[in-house]
Amino acid sequence: MEKTQIILPPFFIEVDGVIVEVLEVVKRTSMTGYSWYSVAVRYRYKGIRSKIIHYDVKDTEDLKNKLKVEVAKIKFLEATFGINYVREVLL
């Protein structure tokens, strides 16, 4: 029997200390039968609320990996250029 988990957005998850708001998840299927999910998220980092960013992912593990990469980029930008630059990039 297949286990089904339903979570209705919006919901929040924490990725490496950064709050990620998952706003929308839409399942897409191509004409060949391949399925993926289109996910809209917003990051909340040190009082900054980002614009809405869209990702195409194949499953929850793929989404987690993409979010971890983006959070690492945000932290790297702050360490390199400062919080004001991060604010400019996220808004």
Protein backbone atom coordinates (compact mmCIF):
# COMPACT_ATOMS: atom_id res chain seq x y z
CA MET A 1 0.00 0.00 0.00
CA GLU A 2 1.29 3.45 -0.92
CA LYS A 3 1.68 6.07 1.81
CA THR A 4 0.16 9.42 0.94
CA GLN A 5 1.02 12.64 2.73
CA ILE A 6 -1.04 15.74 2.09
CA ILE A 7 0.15 19.17 3.23
CA LEU A 8 -1.84 22.17 2.08
CA PRO A 9 0.16 25.30 1.39
CA PRO A 10 1.08 27.78 2.54
CA PHE A 11 3.38 26.16 5.07
CA PHE A 12 6.80 26.93 6.50
CA ILE A 13 9.93 24.80 6.64
CA GLU A 14 13.36 25.58 8.04
CA VAL A 15 16.37 24.99 5.83
CA ASP A 16 19.76 25.51 7.47
CA GLY A 17 18.39 28.20 9.79
CA VAL A 18 16.41 30.05 7.11
CA ILE A 19 12.61 30.00 7.05
CA VAL A 20 11.15 29.03 3.68
CA GLU A 21 7.47 29.65 3.01
CA VAL A 22 6.05 27.21 0.48
CA LEU A 23 3.20 29.11 -1.16
CA GLU A 24 2.02 26.80 -3.92
CA VAL A 25 2.66 23.31 -5.25
CA VAL A 26 1.24 22.26 -8.61
CA LYS A 27 1.72 18.85 -10.19
CA ARG A 28 2.54 18.96 -13.91
CA THR A 29 2.49 16.08 -16.38
CA SER A 30 3.95 16.14 -19.88
CA MET A 31 2.35 14.49 -22.88
CA THR A 32 4.86 11.65 -22.54
CA GLY A 33 3.69 10.94 -18.98
CA TYR A 34 6.64 12.48 -17.10
CA SER A 35 5.48 14.23 -13.89
CA TRP A 36 7.09 17.03 -11.90
CA TYR A 37 6.01 19.72 -9.47
CA SER A 38 6.08 23.46 -9.86
CA VAL A 39 6.73 25.02 -6.44
CA ALA A 40 6.51 28.69 -5.45
CA VAL A 41 8.53 29.69 -2.36
CA ARG A 42 9.56 32.79 -0.46
CA TYR A 43 12.62 33.03 1.79
CA ARG A 44 12.67 34.84 5.15
CA TYR A 45 16.22 35.72 6.08
CA LYS A 46 17.21 38.11 8.88
CA GLY A 47 14.05 40.18 8.58
CA ILE A 48 14.11 40.17 4.78
CA ARG A 49 11.16 38.62 2.95
CA SER A 50 12.17 37.66 -0.60
CA LYS A 51 10.19 37.91 -3.78
CA ILE A 52 8.39 34.74 -4.87
CA ILE A 53 10.72 32.26 -6.54
CA HIS A 54 9.57 29.27 -8.63
CA TYR A 55 11.24 25.87 -8.86
CA ASP A 56 10.49 22.79 -10.94
CA VAL A 57 11.25 19.67 -8.91
CA LYS A 58 10.69 15.95 -9.34
CA ASP A 59 10.04 15.14 -5.66
CA THR A 60 10.45 16.43 -2.10
CA GLU A 61 14.09 15.37 -1.95
CA ASP A 62 14.84 17.40 -5.08
CA LEU A 63 13.08 20.40 -3.51
CA LYS A 64 15.11 20.07 -0.29
CA ASN A 65 18.35 19.94 -2.27
CA LYS A 66 17.47 23.02 -4.33
CA LEU A 67 16.46 24.96 -1.22
CA LYS A 68 19.72 24.04 0.53
CA VAL A 69 21.71 25.30 -2.46
CA GLU A 70 19.79 28.59 -2.52
CA VAL A 71 20.20 29.11 1.24
CA ALA A 72 23.94 28.49 0.88
CA LYS A 73 24.04 31.13 -1.87
CA ILE A 74 22.22 33.65 0.33
CA LYS A 75 24.64 33.06 3.22
CA PHE A 76 27.63 33.29 0.87
CA LEU A 77 26.36 36.60 -0.53
CA GLU A 78 26.01 37.98 2.99
CA ALA A 79 29.50 36.86 3.98
CA THR A 80 30.98 38.31 0.80
CA PHE A 81 29.01 41.50 0.16
CA GLY A 82 27.02 42.18 3.34
CA ILE A 83 23.37 42.14 4.33
CA ASN A 84 22.43 45.20 2.25
CA TYR A 85 23.46 43.38 -0.91
CA VAL A 86 21.41 40.35 0.13
CA ARG A 87 18.43 42.67 0.62
CA GLU A 88 18.86 44.01 -2.92
CA VAL A 89 19.09 40.52 -4.40
CA LEU A 90 16.13 39.04 -2.53
CA LEU A 91 13.72 41.91 -3.05
